[in-house]
Amino acid sequence: VVLALWLLSQLLGLCRPELRMDRDRLLNSYFALIMTFFTSVTDMALTIFKCSDNPSGVYTLKRDRSITCYRGEWNGMVVVGALAVLFWCVGFVALLLRTIY
């Protein structure tokens, strides 16, 4: 969304230079948008790792008790969860630190 708005402002800036978006404002908008969703996306990415013990001795996913942890369907979902944590949680913090320093 931010990139599309920036491209649109660059195209409009060819006719009217005052409409061209400033790079610093673009980065500010981008990081504000990411910070808005960071907590909820991180929570969703980590949900797959939140398993709890049942009285029967089987670990199930806290959010969906029909999914048994460490078996079958969960093994496929844990790959997606690990990639989400890697790219979103670690990647965003690395990008933020690179931008600041």
PDB file of N, CA and C in Angstrom:
ATOM      1  N   VAL A   1       0.833  -1.183   0.000  1.00  0.00           N
ATOM      2  CA  VAL A   1       0.000   0.000   0.000  1.00  0.00           C
ATOM      3  C   VAL A   1       0.878   1.246   0.000  1.00  0.00           C
ATOM      4  N   VAL A   2       1.873   1.252   0.883  1.00  0.00           N
ATOM      5  CA  VAL A   2       2.745   2.421   0.982  1.00  0.00           C
ATOM      6  C   VAL A   2       3.533   2.600  -0.307  1.00  0.00           C
ATOM      7  N   LEU A   3       4.029   1.498  -0.858  1.00  0.00           N
ATOM      8  CA  LEU A   3       4.793   1.572  -2.108  1.00  0.00           C
ATOM      9  C   LEU A   3       3.915   2.061  -3.260  1.00  0.00           C
ATOM     10  N   ALA A   4       2.673   1.598  -3.313  1.00  0.00           N
ATOM     11  CA  ALA A   4       1.752   2.034  -4.364  1.00  0.00           C
ATOM     12  C   ALA A   4       1.471   3.529  -4.249  1.00  0.00           C
ATOM     13  N   LEU A   5       1.287   4.012  -3.032  1.00  0.00           N
ATOM     14  CA  LEU A   5       1.065   5.450  -2.843  1.00  0.00           C
ATOM     15  C   LEU A   5       2.295   6.255  -3.231  1.00  0.00           C
ATOM     16  N   TRP A   6       3.470   5.729  -2.909  1.00  0.00           N
ATOM     17  CA  TRP A   6       4.701   6.429  -3.271  1.00  0.00           C
ATOM     18  C   TRP A   6       4.850   6.512  -4.792  1.00  0.00           C
ATOM     19  N   LEU A   7       4.584   5.383  -5.487  1.00  0.00           N
ATOM     20  CA  LEU A   7       4.663   5.389  -6.950  1.00  0.00           C
ATOM     21  C   LEU A   7       3.654   6.354  -7.561  1.00  0.00           C
ATOM     22  N   LEU A   8       2.450   6.369  -7.006  1.00  0.00           N
ATOM     23  CA  LEU A   8       1.430   7.300  -7.485  1.00  0.00           C
ATOM     24  C   LEU A   8       1.876   8.744  -7.286  1.00  0.00           C
ATOM     25  N   SER A   9       2.472   9.036  -6.138  1.00  0.00           N
ATOM     26  CA  SER A   9       2.933  10.404  -5.883  1.00  0.00           C
ATOM     27  C   SER A   9       4.067  10.792  -6.823  1.00  0.00           C
ATOM     28  N   GLN A  10       4.919   9.822  -7.183  1.00  0.00           N
ATOM     29  CA  GLN A  10       6.001  10.114  -8.122  1.00  0.00           C
ATOM     30  C   GLN A  10       5.448  10.408  -9.518  1.00  0.00           C
ATOM     31  N   LEU A  11       4.422   9.658  -9.916  1.00  0.00           N
ATOM     32  CA  LEU A  11       3.800   9.914 -11.218  1.00  0.00           C
ATOM     33  C   LEU A  11       3.085  11.262 -11.237  1.00  0.00           C
ATOM     34  N   LEU A  12       2.352  11.545 -10.167  1.00  0.00           N
ATOM     35  CA  LEU A  12       1.672  12.840 -10.089  1.00  0.00           C
ATOM     36  C   LEU A  12       2.679  13.980  -9.984  1.00  0.00           C
ATOM     37  N   GLY A  13       3.834  13.694  -9.394  1.00  0.00           N
ATOM     38  CA  GLY A  13       4.874  14.707  -9.247  1.00  0.00           C
ATOM     39  C   GLY A  13       5.476  15.148 -10.562  1.00  0.00           C
ATOM     40  N   LEU A  14       5.298  14.349 -11.605  1.00  0.00           N
ATOM     41  CA  LEU A  14       5.786  14.765 -12.918  1.00  0.00           C
ATOM     42  C   LEU A  14       5.015  15.977 -13.424  1.00  0.00           C
ATOM     43  N   CYS A  15       3.722  16.027 -13.097  1.00  0.00           N
ATOM     44  CA  CYS A  15       2.882  17.156 -13.507  1.00  0.00           C
ATOM     45  C   CYS A  15       2.890  18.266 -12.464  1.00  0.00           C
ATOM     46  N   ARG A  16       2.804  17.860 -11.187  1.00  0.00           N
ATOM     47  CA  ARG A  16       2.754  18.834 -10.086  1.00  0.00           C
ATOM     48  C   ARG A  16       3.787  18.429  -9.035  1.00  0.00           C
ATOM     49  N   PRO A  17       4.959  19.036  -9.043  1.00  0.00           N
ATOM     50  CA  PRO A  17       6.052  18.638  -8.140  1.00  0.00           C
ATOM     51  C   PRO A  17       5.707  18.699  -6.652  1.00  0.00           C
ATOM     52  N   GLU A  18       4.758  19.532  -6.265  1.00  0.00           N
ATOM     53  CA  GLU A  18       4.406  19.635  -4.841  1.00  0.00           C
ATOM     54  C   GLU A  18       3.677  18.388  -4.324  1.00  0.00           C
ATOM     55  N   LEU A  19       3.198  17.533  -5.235  1.00  0.00           N
ATOM     56  CA  LEU A  19       2.509  16.304  -4.837  1.00  0.00           C
ATOM     57  C   LEU A  19       3.459  15.128  -4.616  1.00  0.00           C
ATOM     58  N   ARG A  20       4.720  15.323  -4.937  1.00  0.00           N
ATOM     59  CA  ARG A  20       5.698  14.238  -4.786  1.00  0.00           C
ATOM     60  C   ARG A  20       5.934  13.953  -3.303  1.00  0.00           C
ATOM     61  N   MET A  21       5.888  12.666  -2.930  1.00  0.00           N
ATOM     62  CA  MET A  21       6.027  12.256  -1.529  1.00  0.00           C
ATOM     63  C   MET A  21       7.495  12.279  -1.104  1.00  0.00           C
ATOM     64  N   ASP A  22       7.729  12.809   0.091  1.00  0.00           N
ATOM     65  CA  ASP A  22       9.064  12.868   0.668  1.00  0.00           C
ATOM     66  C   ASP A  22       9.478  11.481   1.169  1.00  0.00           C
ATOM     67  N   ARG A  23      10.736  11.097   0.963  1.00  0.00           N
ATOM     68  CA  ARG A  23      11.230   9.777   1.365  1.00  0.00           C
ATOM     69  C   ARG A  23      11.104   9.562   2.871  1.00  0.00           C
ATOM     70  N   ASP A  24      11.437  10.561   3.668  1.00  0.00           N
ATOM     71  CA  ASP A  24      11.358  10.419   5.123  1.00  0.00           C
ATOM     72  C   ASP A  24       9.920  10.206   5.594  1.00  0.00           C
ATOM     73  N   ARG A  25       8.996  10.897   4.988  1.00  0.00           N
ATOM     74  CA  ARG A  25       7.587  10.702   5.349  1.00  0.00           C
ATOM     75  C   ARG A  25       7.092   9.324   4.918  1.00  0.00           C
ATOM     76  N   LEU A  26       7.595   8.850   3.800  1.00  0.00           N
ATOM     77  CA  LEU A  26       7.239   7.510   3.337  1.00  0.00           C
ATOM     78  C   LEU A  26       7.696   6.459   4.344  1.00  0.00           C
ATOM     79  N   LEU A  27       8.950   6.536   4.784  1.00  0.00           N
ATOM     80  CA  LEU A  27       9.460   5.576   5.763  1.00  0.00           C
ATOM     81  C   LEU A  27       8.713   5.687   7.082  1.00  0.00           C
ATOM     82  N   ASN A  28       8.384   6.900   7.486  1.00  0.00           N
ATOM     83  CA  ASN A  28       7.619   7.099   8.718  1.00  0.00           C
ATOM     84  C   ASN A  28       6.251   6.427   8.612  1.00  0.00           C
ATOM     85  N   SER A  29       5.584   6.587   7.490  1.00  0.00           N
ATOM     86  CA  SER A  29       4.274   5.955   7.285  1.00  0.00           C
ATOM     87  C   SER A  29       4.386   4.440   7.252  1.00  0.00           C
ATOM     88  N   TYR A  30       5.418   3.949   6.594  1.00  0.00           N
ATOM     89  CA  TYR A  30       5.620   2.503   6.479  1.00  0.00           C
ATOM     90  C   TYR A  30       5.833   1.867   7.847  1.00  0.00           C
ATOM     91  N   PHE A  31       6.725   2.426   8.638  1.00  0.00           N
ATOM     92  CA  PHE A  31       7.004   1.843   9.947  1.00  0.00           C
ATOM     93  C   PHE A  31       5.841   2.037  10.918  1.00  0.00           C
ATOM     94  N   ALA A  32       5.094   3.110  10.776  1.00  0.00           N
ATOM     95  CA  ALA A  32       3.905   3.281  11.614  1.00  0.00           C
ATOM     96  C   ALA A  32       2.874   2.202  11.291  1.00  0.00           C
ATOM     97  N   LEU A  33       2.727   1.870  10.020  1.00  0.00           N
ATOM     98  CA  LEU A  33       1.804   0.813   9.610  1.00  0.00           C
ATOM     99  C   LEU A  33       2.259  -0.545  10.142  1.00  0.00           C
ATOM    100  N   ILE A  34       3.543  -0.822  10.044  1.00  0.00           N
ATOM    101  CA  ILE A  34       4.065  -2.092  10.561  1.00  0.00           C
ATOM    102  C   ILE A  34       3.893  -2.169  12.072  1.00  0.00           C
ATOM    103  N   MET A  35       4.188  -1.095  12.779  1.00  0.00           N
ATOM    104  CA  MET A  35       4.065  -1.103  14.241  1.00  0.00           C
ATOM    105  C   MET A  35       2.616  -1.310  14.673  1.00  0.00           C
ATOM    106  N   THR A  36       1.673  -0.845  13.875  1.00  0.00           N
ATOM    107  CA  THR A  36       0.264  -1.021  14.198  1.00  0.00           C
ATOM    108  C   THR A  36      -0.113  -2.501  14.252  1.00  0.00           C
ATOM    109  N   PHE A  37       0.405  -3.279  13.328  1.00  0.00           N
ATOM    110  CA  PHE A  37       0.037  -4.689  13.227  1.00  0.00           C
ATOM    111  C   PHE A  37       1.057  -5.643  13.828  1.00  0.00           C
ATOM    112  N   PHE A  38       2.182  -5.147  14.314  1.00  0.00           N
ATOM    113  CA  PHE A  38       3.268  -6.020  14.771  1.00  0.00           C
ATOM    114  C   PHE A  38       2.828  -6.959  15.890  1.00  0.00           C
ATOM    115  N   THR A  39       2.162  -6.441  16.908  1.00  0.00           N
ATOM    116  CA  THR A  39       1.781  -7.265  18.054  1.00  0.00           C
ATOM    117  C   THR A  39       0.797  -8.362  17.666  1.00  0.00           C
ATOM    118  N   SER A  40      -0.217  -8.021  16.889  1.00  0.00           N
ATOM    119  CA  SER A  40      -1.219  -9.035  16.535  1.00  0.00           C
ATOM    120  C   SER A  40      -0.655 -10.092  15.589  1.00  0.00           C
ATOM    121  N   VAL A  41       0.175  -9.698  14.642  1.00  0.00           N
ATOM    122  CA  VAL A  41       0.765 -10.679  13.730  1.00  0.00           C
ATOM    123  C   VAL A  41       1.756 -11.569  14.479  1.00  0.00           C
ATOM    124  N   THR A  42       2.514 -10.998  15.403  1.00  0.00           N
ATOM    125  CA  THR A  42       3.438 -11.788  16.213  1.00  0.00           C
ATOM    126  C   THR A  42       2.678 -12.797  17.062  1.00  0.00           C
ATOM    127  N   ASP A  43       1.572 -12.371  17.658  1.00  0.00           N
ATOM    128  CA  ASP A  43       0.762 -13.288  18.461  1.00  0.00           C
ATOM    129  C   ASP A  43       0.237 -14.443  17.616  1.00  0.00           C
ATOM    130  N   MET A  44      -0.232 -14.138  16.408  1.00  0.00           N
ATOM    131  CA  MET A  44      -0.730 -15.196  15.526  1.00  0.00           C
ATOM    132  C   MET A  44       0.394 -16.139  15.105  1.00  0.00           C
ATOM    133  N   ALA A  45       1.587 -15.594  14.859  1.00  0.00           N
ATOM    134  CA  ALA A  45       2.712 -16.437  14.447  1.00  0.00           C
ATOM    135  C   ALA A  45       3.153 -17.366  15.568  1.00  0.00           C
ATOM    136  N   LEU A  46       3.047 -16.907  16.808  1.00  0.00           N
ATOM    137  CA  LEU A  46       3.482 -17.715  17.950  1.00  0.00           C
ATOM    138  C   LEU A  46       2.399 -18.654  18.469  1.00  0.00           C
ATOM    139  N   THR A  47       1.166 -18.511  18.001  1.00  0.00           N
ATOM    140  CA  THR A  47       0.054 -19.341  18.462  1.00  0.00           C
ATOM    141  C   THR A  47       0.314 -20.828  18.237  1.00  0.00           C
ATOM    142  N   ILE A  48       0.976 -21.173  17.154  1.00  0.00           N
ATOM    143  CA  ILE A  48       1.219 -22.580  16.828  1.00  0.00           C
ATOM    144  C   ILE A  48       2.116 -23.255  17.862  1.00  0.00           C
ATOM    145  N   PHE A  49       2.877 -22.477  18.607  1.00  0.00           N
ATOM    146  CA  PHE A  49       3.792 -23.042  19.596  1.00  0.00           C
ATOM    147  C   PHE A  49       3.184 -23.099  20.999  1.00  0.00           C
ATOM    148  N   LYS A  50       1.949 -22.641  21.144  1.00  0.00           N
ATOM    149  CA  LYS A  50       1.290 -22.623  22.453  1.00  0.00           C
ATOM    150  C   LYS A  50       0.449 -23.888  22.632  1.00  0.00           C
ATOM    151  N   CYS A  51       1.070 -24.906  23.181  1.00  0.00           N
ATOM    152  CA  CYS A  51       0.397 -26.184  23.423  1.00  0.00           C
ATOM    153  C   CYS A  51       0.201 -26.370  24.923  1.00  0.00           C
ATOM    154  N   SER A  52      -0.847 -27.079  25.294  1.00  0.00           N
ATOM    155  CA  SER A  52      -1.072 -27.348  26.719  1.00  0.00           C
ATOM    156  C   SER A  52      -1.430 -28.820  26.922  1.00  0.00           C
ATOM    157  N   ASP A  53      -1.117 -29.295  28.113  1.00  0.00           N
ATOM    158  CA  ASP A  53      -1.361 -30.693  28.470  1.00  0.00           C
ATOM    159  C   ASP A  53      -2.829 -30.877  28.843  1.00  0.00           C
ATOM    160  N   ASN A  54      -3.405 -31.971  28.403  1.00  0.00           N
ATOM    161  CA  ASN A  54      -4.776 -32.328  28.758  1.00  0.00           C
ATOM    162  C   ASN A  54      -4.746 -33.434  29.805  1.00  0.00           C
ATOM    163  N   PRO A  55      -5.860 -33.660  30.492  1.00  0.00           N
ATOM    164  CA  PRO A  55      -5.906 -34.755  31.474  1.00  0.00           C
ATOM    165  C   PRO A  55      -5.580 -36.121  30.874  1.00  0.00           C
ATOM    166  N   SER A  56      -5.803 -36.270  29.577  1.00  0.00           N
ATOM    167  CA  SER A  56      -5.507 -37.551  28.922  1.00  0.00           C
ATOM    168  C   SER A  56      -4.015 -37.725  28.643  1.00  0.00           C
ATOM    169  N   GLY A  57      -3.222 -36.676  28.894  1.00  0.00           N
ATOM    170  CA  GLY A  57      -1.788 -36.745  28.661  1.00  0.00           C
ATOM    171  C   GLY A  57      -1.370 -36.341  27.265  1.00  0.00           C
ATOM    172  N   VAL A  58      -2.319 -35.911  26.440  1.00  0.00           N
ATOM    173  CA  VAL A  58      -2.028 -35.487  25.069  1.00  0.00           C
ATOM    174  C   VAL A  58      -1.931 -33.965  25.040  1.00  0.00           C
ATOM    175  N   TYR A  59      -0.899 -33.459  24.380  1.00  0.00           N
ATOM    176  CA  TYR A  59      -0.763 -32.014  24.220  1.00  0.00           C
ATOM    177  C   TYR A  59      -1.576 -31.560  23.013  1.00  0.00           C
ATOM    178  N   THR A  60      -2.375 -30.504  23.210  1.00  0.00           N
ATOM    179  CA  THR A  60      -3.162 -29.944  22.115  1.00  0.00           C
ATOM    180  C   THR A  60      -2.908 -28.453  22.036  1.00  0.00           C
ATOM    181  N   LEU A  61      -3.237 -27.899  20.894  1.00  0.00           N
ATOM    182  CA  LEU A  61      -3.086 -26.472  20.666  1.00  0.00           C
ATOM    183  C   LEU A  61      -4.092 -25.723  21.528  1.00  0.00           C
ATOM    184  N   LYS A  62      -3.641 -24.684  22.233  1.00  0.00           N
ATOM    185  CA  LYS A  62      -4.545 -23.943  23.122  1.00  0.00           C
ATOM    186  C   LYS A  62      -5.693 -23.296  22.357  1.00  0.00           C
ATOM    187  N   ARG A  63      -5.418 -22.795  21.168  1.00  0.00           N
ATOM    188  CA  ARG A  63      -6.439 -22.088  20.400  1.00  0.00           C
ATOM    189  C   ARG A  63      -7.437 -23.043  19.761  1.00  0.00           C
ATOM    190  N   ASP A  64      -7.001 -24.254  19.412  1.00  0.00           N
ATOM    191  CA  ASP A  64      -7.873 -25.237  18.765  1.00  0.00           C
ATOM    192  C   ASP A  64      -7.562 -26.614  19.341  1.00  0.00           C
ATOM    193  N   ARG A  65      -8.380 -27.056  20.264  1.00  0.00           N
ATOM    194  CA  ARG A  65      -8.130 -28.313  20.982  1.00  0.00           C
ATOM    195  C   ARG A  65      -8.240 -29.556  20.093  1.00  0.00           C
ATOM    196  N   SER A  66      -8.723 -29.395  18.870  1.00  0.00           N
ATOM    197  CA  SER A  66      -8.813 -30.556  17.977  1.00  0.00           C
ATOM    198  C   SER A  66      -7.473 -30.872  17.313  1.00  0.00           C
ATOM    199  N   ILE A  67      -6.494 -29.980  17.428  1.00  0.00           N
ATOM    200  CA  ILE A  67      -5.177 -30.198  16.823  1.00  0.00           C
ATOM    201  C   ILE A  67      -4.217 -30.714  17.886  1.00  0.00           C
ATOM    202  N   THR A  68      -3.681 -31.901  17.661  1.00  0.00           N
ATOM    203  CA  THR A  68      -2.734 -32.518  18.583  1.00  0.00           C
ATOM    204  C   THR A  68      -1.330 -32.019  18.259  1.00  0.00           C
ATOM    205  N   CYS A  69      -0.648 -31.491  19.267  1.00  0.00           N
ATOM    206  CA  CYS A  69       0.703 -30.962  19.070  1.00  0.00           C
ATOM    207  C   CYS A  69       1.704 -32.091  18.870  1.00  0.00           C
ATOM    208  N   TYR A  70       2.748 -31.757  18.107  1.00  0.00           N
ATOM    209  CA  TYR A  70       3.874 -32.670  17.861  1.00  0.00           C
ATOM    210  C   TYR A  70       3.497 -33.879  17.009  1.00  0.00           C
ATOM    211  N   ARG A  71       2.349 -33.819  16.325  1.00  0.00           N
ATOM    212  CA  ARG A  71       1.912 -34.921  15.462  1.00  0.00           C
ATOM    213  C   ARG A  71       1.184 -34.379  14.234  1.00  0.00           C
ATOM    214  N   GLY A  72       1.172 -35.157  13.186  1.00  0.00           N
ATOM    215  CA  GLY A  72       0.360 -34.943  11.993  1.00  0.00           C
ATOM    216  C   GLY A  72       0.238 -33.519  11.491  1.00  0.00           C
ATOM    217  N   GLU A  73      -0.972 -32.982  11.575  1.00  0.00           N
ATOM    218  CA  GLU A  73      -1.290 -31.663  11.039  1.00  0.00           C
ATOM    219  C   GLU A  73      -0.433 -30.572  11.673  1.00  0.00           C
ATOM    220  N   TRP A  74      -0.121 -30.705  12.948  1.00  0.00           N
ATOM    221  CA  TRP A  74       0.673 -29.702  13.652  1.00  0.00           C
ATOM    222  C   TRP A  74       2.070 -29.591  13.048  1.00  0.00           C
ATOM    223  N   ASN A  75       2.669 -30.711  12.649  1.00  0.00           N
ATOM    224  CA  ASN A  75       4.012 -30.694  12.067  1.00  0.00           C
ATOM    225  C   ASN A  75       4.071 -29.857  10.792  1.00  0.00           C
ATOM    226  N   GLY A  76       3.016 -29.891   9.998  1.00  0.00           N
ATOM    227  CA  GLY A  76       2.963 -29.060   8.801  1.00  0.00           C
ATOM    228  C   GLY A  76       2.793 -27.590   9.125  1.00  0.00           C
ATOM    229  N   MET A  77       2.006 -27.310  10.148  1.00  0.00           N
ATOM    230  CA  MET A  77       1.758 -25.916  10.516  1.00  0.00           C
ATOM    231  C   MET A  77       2.954 -25.280  11.214  1.00  0.00           C
ATOM    232  N   VAL A  78       3.763 -26.079  11.899  1.00  0.00           N
ATOM    233  CA  VAL A  78       4.892 -25.520  12.637  1.00  0.00           C
ATOM    234  C   VAL A  78       5.941 -24.935  11.687  1.00  0.00           C
ATOM    235  N   VAL A  79       6.048 -25.480  10.488  1.00  0.00           N
ATOM    236  CA  VAL A  79       6.979 -24.929   9.496  1.00  0.00           C
ATOM    237  C   VAL A  79       6.541 -23.521   9.103  1.00  0.00           C
ATOM    238  N   VAL A  80       5.258 -23.355   8.839  1.00  0.00           N
ATOM    239  CA  VAL A  80       4.722 -22.034   8.492  1.00  0.00           C
ATOM    240  C   VAL A  80       4.885 -21.073   9.670  1.00  0.00           C
ATOM    241  N   GLY A  81       4.616 -21.551  10.876  1.00  0.00           N
ATOM    242  CA  GLY A  81       4.775 -20.720  12.066  1.00  0.00           C
ATOM    243  C   GLY A  81       6.207 -20.286  12.281  1.00  0.00           C
ATOM    244  N   ALA A  82       7.149 -21.198  12.070  1.00  0.00           N
ATOM    245  CA  ALA A  82       8.566 -20.862  12.239  1.00  0.00           C
ATOM    246  C   ALA A  82       9.013 -19.837  11.199  1.00  0.00           C
ATOM    247  N   LEU A  83       8.550 -19.987   9.955  1.00  0.00           N
ATOM    248  CA  LEU A  83       8.884 -19.005   8.920  1.00  0.00           C
ATOM    249  C   LEU A  83       8.271 -17.644   9.230  1.00  0.00           C
ATOM    250  N   ALA A  84       7.048 -17.637   9.739  1.00  0.00           N
ATOM    251  CA  ALA A  84       6.401 -16.376  10.106  1.00  0.00           C
ATOM    252  C   ALA A  84       7.164 -15.681  11.224  1.00  0.00           C
ATOM    253  N   VAL A  85       7.590 -16.440  12.220  1.00  0.00           N
ATOM    254  CA  VAL A  85       8.371 -15.855  13.317  1.00  0.00           C
ATOM    255  C   VAL A  85       9.698 -15.329  12.787  1.00  0.00           C
ATOM    256  N   LEU A  86      10.345 -16.097  11.927  1.00  0.00           N
ATOM    257  CA  LEU A  86      11.636 -15.687  11.388  1.00  0.00           C
ATOM    258  C   LEU A  86      11.521 -14.411  10.561  1.00  0.00           C
ATOM    259  N   PHE A  87      10.599 -14.394   9.603  1.00  0.00           N
ATOM    260  CA  PHE A  87      10.501 -13.242   8.717  1.00  0.00           C
ATOM    261  C   PHE A  87       9.842 -12.039   9.372  1.00  0.00           C
ATOM    262  N   TRP A  88       8.793 -12.250  10.141  1.00  0.00           N
ATOM    263  CA  TRP A  88       8.076 -11.119  10.709  1.00  0.00           C
ATOM    264  C   TRP A  88       8.737 -10.604  11.974  1.00  0.00           C
ATOM    265  N   CYS A  89       8.909 -11.453  12.955  1.00  0.00           N
ATOM    266  CA  CYS A  89       9.438 -11.016  14.252  1.00  0.00           C
ATOM    267  C   CYS A  89      10.912 -10.641  14.160  1.00  0.00           C
ATOM    268  N   VAL A  90      11.725 -11.566  13.697  1.00  0.00           N
ATOM    269  CA  VAL A  90      13.163 -11.315  13.614  1.00  0.00           C
ATOM    270  C   VAL A  90      13.473 -10.350  12.474  1.00  0.00           C
ATOM    271  N   GLY A  91      12.847 -10.546  11.328  1.00  0.00           N
ATOM    272  CA  GLY A  91      13.105  -9.695  10.172  1.00  0.00           C
ATOM    273  C   GLY A  91      12.736  -8.245  10.397  1.00  0.00           C
ATOM    274  N   PHE A  92      11.592  -7.998  11.018  1.00  0.00           N
ATOM    275  CA  PHE A  92      11.187  -6.619  11.261  1.00  0.00           C
ATOM    276  C   PHE A  92      12.122  -5.930  12.242  1.00  0.00           C
ATOM    277  N   VAL A  93      12.493  -6.620  13.306  1.00  0.00           N
ATOM    278  CA  VAL A  93      13.408  -6.026  14.288  1.00  0.00           C
ATOM    279  C   VAL A  93      14.759  -5.748  13.633  1.00  0.00           C
ATOM    280  N   ALA A  94      15.244  -6.653  12.789  1.00  0.00           N
ATOM    281  CA  ALA A  94      16.510  -6.433  12.085  1.00  0.00           C
ATOM    282  C   ALA A  94      16.411  -5.233  11.144  1.00  0.00           C
ATOM    283  N   LEU A  95      15.301  -5.113  10.432  1.00  0.00           N
ATOM    284  CA  LEU A  95      15.098  -3.969   9.540  1.00  0.00           C
ATOM    285  C   LEU A  95      15.028  -2.670  10.328  1.00  0.00           C
ATOM    286  N   LEU A  96      14.348  -2.699  11.445  1.00  0.00           N
ATOM    287  CA  LEU A  96      14.242  -1.510  12.286  1.00  0.00           C
ATOM    288  C   LEU A  96      15.613  -1.094  12.813  1.00  0.00           C
ATOM    289  N   LEU A  97      16.388  -2.054  13.302  1.00  0.00           N
ATOM    290  CA  LEU A  97      17.728  -1.738  13.805  1.00  0.00           C
ATOM    291  C   LEU A  97      18.640  -1.236  12.690  1.00  0.00           C
ATOM    292  N   ARG A  98      18.515  -1.813  11.499  1.00  0.00           N
ATOM    293  CA  ARG A  98      19.326  -1.345  10.373  1.00  0.00           C
ATOM    294  C   ARG A  98      18.967   0.089  10.001  1.00  0.00           C
ATOM    295  N   THR A  99      17.698   0.409  10.047  1.00  0.00           N
ATOM    296  CA  THR A  99      17.254   1.755   9.699  1.00  0.00           C
ATOM    297  C   THR A  99      17.708   2.776  10.743  1.00  0.00           C
ATOM    298  N   ILE A 100      17.636   2.395  12.011  1.00  0.00           N
ATOM    299  CA  ILE A 100      18.016   3.322  13.081  1.00  0.00           C
ATOM    300  C   ILE A 100      19.524   3.542  13.111  1.00  0.00           C
ATOM    301  N   TYR A 101      20.278   2.459  13.003  1.00  0.00           N
ATOM    302  CA  TYR A 101      21.735   2.565  13.112  1.00  0.00           C
ATOM    303  C   TYR A 101      22.352   2.466  11.752  1.00  0.00           C
TER     304      TYR A 101
END
